Amino acid sequence: MARLRITLVKSPIGYAQDQKDTVRMLGLRKMWATVEHADNPGIRGMVHKVRHLVRMETLADGSAEGVEEGGNNP
């Protein structure tokens, strides 16, 4: 099963509380922190809600290399 690597690239300060809560529920606590989650519709929906704050990469079956999708890509 594919995995998602999600990185917080922009601070949620100044955004709505529900977006701050979504970032927290994804497990992101600090700027540039990275977490990995299983690729499923629930996680994809959470990432979509805060896509302006995070960068998402799709990892194929435990592979270390991924493809960046959406978000603010520096």
C-alpha atoms as a PDB file:
ATOM      1  CA  MET A   1       0.000   0.000   0.000  1.00  0.00           C
ATOM      2  CA  ALA A   2       1.232   3.486  -0.790  1.00  0.00           C
ATOM      3  CA  ARG A   3       2.210   5.887   1.958  1.00  0.00           C
ATOM      4  CA  LEU A   4       2.088   9.656   2.173  1.00  0.00           C
ATOM      5  CA  ARG A   5       4.900  11.804   3.537  1.00  0.00           C
ATOM      6  CA  ILE A   6       3.482  15.096   4.818  1.00  0.00           C
ATOM      7  CA  THR A   7       5.637  18.091   5.827  1.00  0.00           C
ATOM      8  CA  LEU A   8       4.455  21.291   7.511  1.00  0.00           C
ATOM      9  CA  VAL A   9       5.939  24.119   5.399  1.00  0.00           C
ATOM     10  CA  LYS A  10       3.875  27.081   6.612  1.00  0.00           C
ATOM     11  CA  SER A  11       2.732  28.053  10.091  1.00  0.00           C
ATOM     12  CA  PRO A  12      -0.966  27.625  10.897  1.00  0.00           C
ATOM     13  CA  ILE A  13      -0.849  30.786  13.049  1.00  0.00           C
ATOM     14  CA  GLY A  14      -3.470  33.210  11.776  1.00  0.00           C
ATOM     15  CA  TYR A  15      -5.631  30.517  10.184  1.00  0.00           C
ATOM     16  CA  ALA A  16      -8.975  29.158  11.368  1.00  0.00           C
ATOM     17  CA  GLN A  17      -9.006  26.886  14.431  1.00  0.00           C
ATOM     18  CA  ASP A  18     -10.289  23.915  12.425  1.00  0.00           C
ATOM     19  CA  GLN A  19      -7.216  24.141  10.172  1.00  0.00           C
ATOM     20  CA  LYS A  20      -4.911  24.285  13.204  1.00  0.00           C
ATOM     21  CA  ASP A  21      -6.693  21.228  14.600  1.00  0.00           C
ATOM     22  CA  THR A  22      -6.312  19.370  11.298  1.00  0.00           C
ATOM     23  CA  VAL A  23      -2.554  20.031  11.264  1.00  0.00           C
ATOM     24  CA  ARG A  24      -2.361  18.688  14.840  1.00  0.00           C
ATOM     25  CA  MET A  25      -4.427  15.599  13.978  1.00  0.00           C
ATOM     26  CA  LEU A  26      -2.017  14.841  11.164  1.00  0.00           C
ATOM     27  CA  GLY A  27       0.692  14.700  13.836  1.00  0.00           C
ATOM     28  CA  LEU A  28       2.512  17.866  12.791  1.00  0.00           C
ATOM     29  CA  ARG A  29       3.712  19.841  15.804  1.00  0.00           C
ATOM     30  CA  LYS A  30       6.558  22.043  14.512  1.00  0.00           C
ATOM     31  CA  MET A  31       7.561  23.735  11.295  1.00  0.00           C
ATOM     32  CA  TRP A  32       9.302  21.407   8.835  1.00  0.00           C
ATOM     33  CA  ALA A  33       8.222  18.359  10.821  1.00  0.00           C
ATOM     34  CA  THR A  34       7.472  15.338   8.628  1.00  0.00           C
ATOM     35  CA  VAL A  35       5.098  12.440   9.253  1.00  0.00           C
ATOM     36  CA  GLU A  36       4.101   9.403   7.210  1.00  0.00           C
ATOM     37  CA  HIS A  37       0.560   8.065   6.963  1.00  0.00           C
ATOM     38  CA  ALA A  38      -1.133   5.319   4.997  1.00  0.00           C
ATOM     39  CA  ASP A  39      -2.694   6.614   1.789  1.00  0.00           C
ATOM     40  CA  ASN A  40      -6.449   6.565   2.389  1.00  0.00           C
ATOM     41  CA  PRO A  41      -9.356   8.926   1.670  1.00  0.00           C
ATOM     42  CA  GLY A  42      -9.486  10.247   5.253  1.00  0.00           C
ATOM     43  CA  ILE A  43      -5.863  11.370   5.288  1.00  0.00           C
ATOM     44  CA  ARG A  44      -6.144  12.728   1.733  1.00  0.00           C
ATOM     45  CA  GLY A  45      -9.140  14.828   2.844  1.00  0.00           C
ATOM     46  CA  MET A  46      -7.233  16.228   5.813  1.00  0.00           C
ATOM     47  CA  VAL A  47      -4.276  17.116   3.584  1.00  0.00           C
ATOM     48  CA  HIS A  48      -6.621  18.749   1.081  1.00  0.00           C
ATOM     49  CA  LYS A  49      -8.092  20.943   3.819  1.00  0.00           C
ATOM     50  CA  VAL A  50      -4.657  22.327   4.763  1.00  0.00           C
ATOM     51  CA  ARG A  51      -2.950  22.005   1.358  1.00  0.00           C
ATOM     52  CA  HIS A  52      -1.743  25.612   1.588  1.00  0.00           C
ATOM     53  CA  LEU A  53       0.214  24.738   4.768  1.00  0.00           C
ATOM     54  CA  VAL A  54       1.749  21.367   3.885  1.00  0.00           C
ATOM     55  CA  ARG A  55       3.762  19.553   1.237  1.00  0.00           C
ATOM     56  CA  MET A  56       2.756  15.982   0.390  1.00  0.00           C
ATOM     57  CA  GLU A  57       4.804  13.259  -1.281  1.00  0.00           C
ATOM     58  CA  THR A  58       3.517   9.854  -2.337  1.00  0.00           C
ATOM     59  CA  LEU A  59       5.810   6.976  -1.428  1.00  0.00           C
ATOM     60  CA  ALA A  60       5.374   3.740  -3.355  1.00  0.00           C
ATOM     61  CA  ASP A  61       5.412   0.652  -1.092  1.00  0.00           C
ATOM     62  CA  GLY A  62       8.078   1.708   1.405  1.00  0.00           C
ATOM     63  CA  SER A  63      10.230   3.423  -1.195  1.00  0.00           C
ATOM     64  CA  ALA A  64      12.297   6.355   0.020  1.00  0.00           C
ATOM     65  CA  GLU A  65      11.703   8.286  -3.184  1.00  0.00           C
ATOM     66  CA  GLY A  66       8.422  10.060  -3.813  1.00  0.00           C
ATOM     67  CA  VAL A  67       6.522  12.368  -6.054  1.00  0.00           C
ATOM     68  CA  GLU A  68       5.527  15.743  -4.646  1.00  0.00           C
ATOM     69  CA  GLU A  69       1.878  16.697  -4.943  1.00  0.00           C
ATOM     70  CA  GLY A  70       0.051  19.946  -4.206  1.00  0.00           C
ATOM     71  CA  GLY A  71       0.864  22.403  -1.462  1.00  0.00           C
ATOM     72  CA  ASN A  72       3.519  25.079  -1.329  1.00  0.00           C
ATOM     73  CA  ASN A  73       6.568  23.650  -3.001  1.00  0.00           C
ATOM     74  CA  PRO A  74       9.618  25.856  -2.445  1.00  0.00           C
END
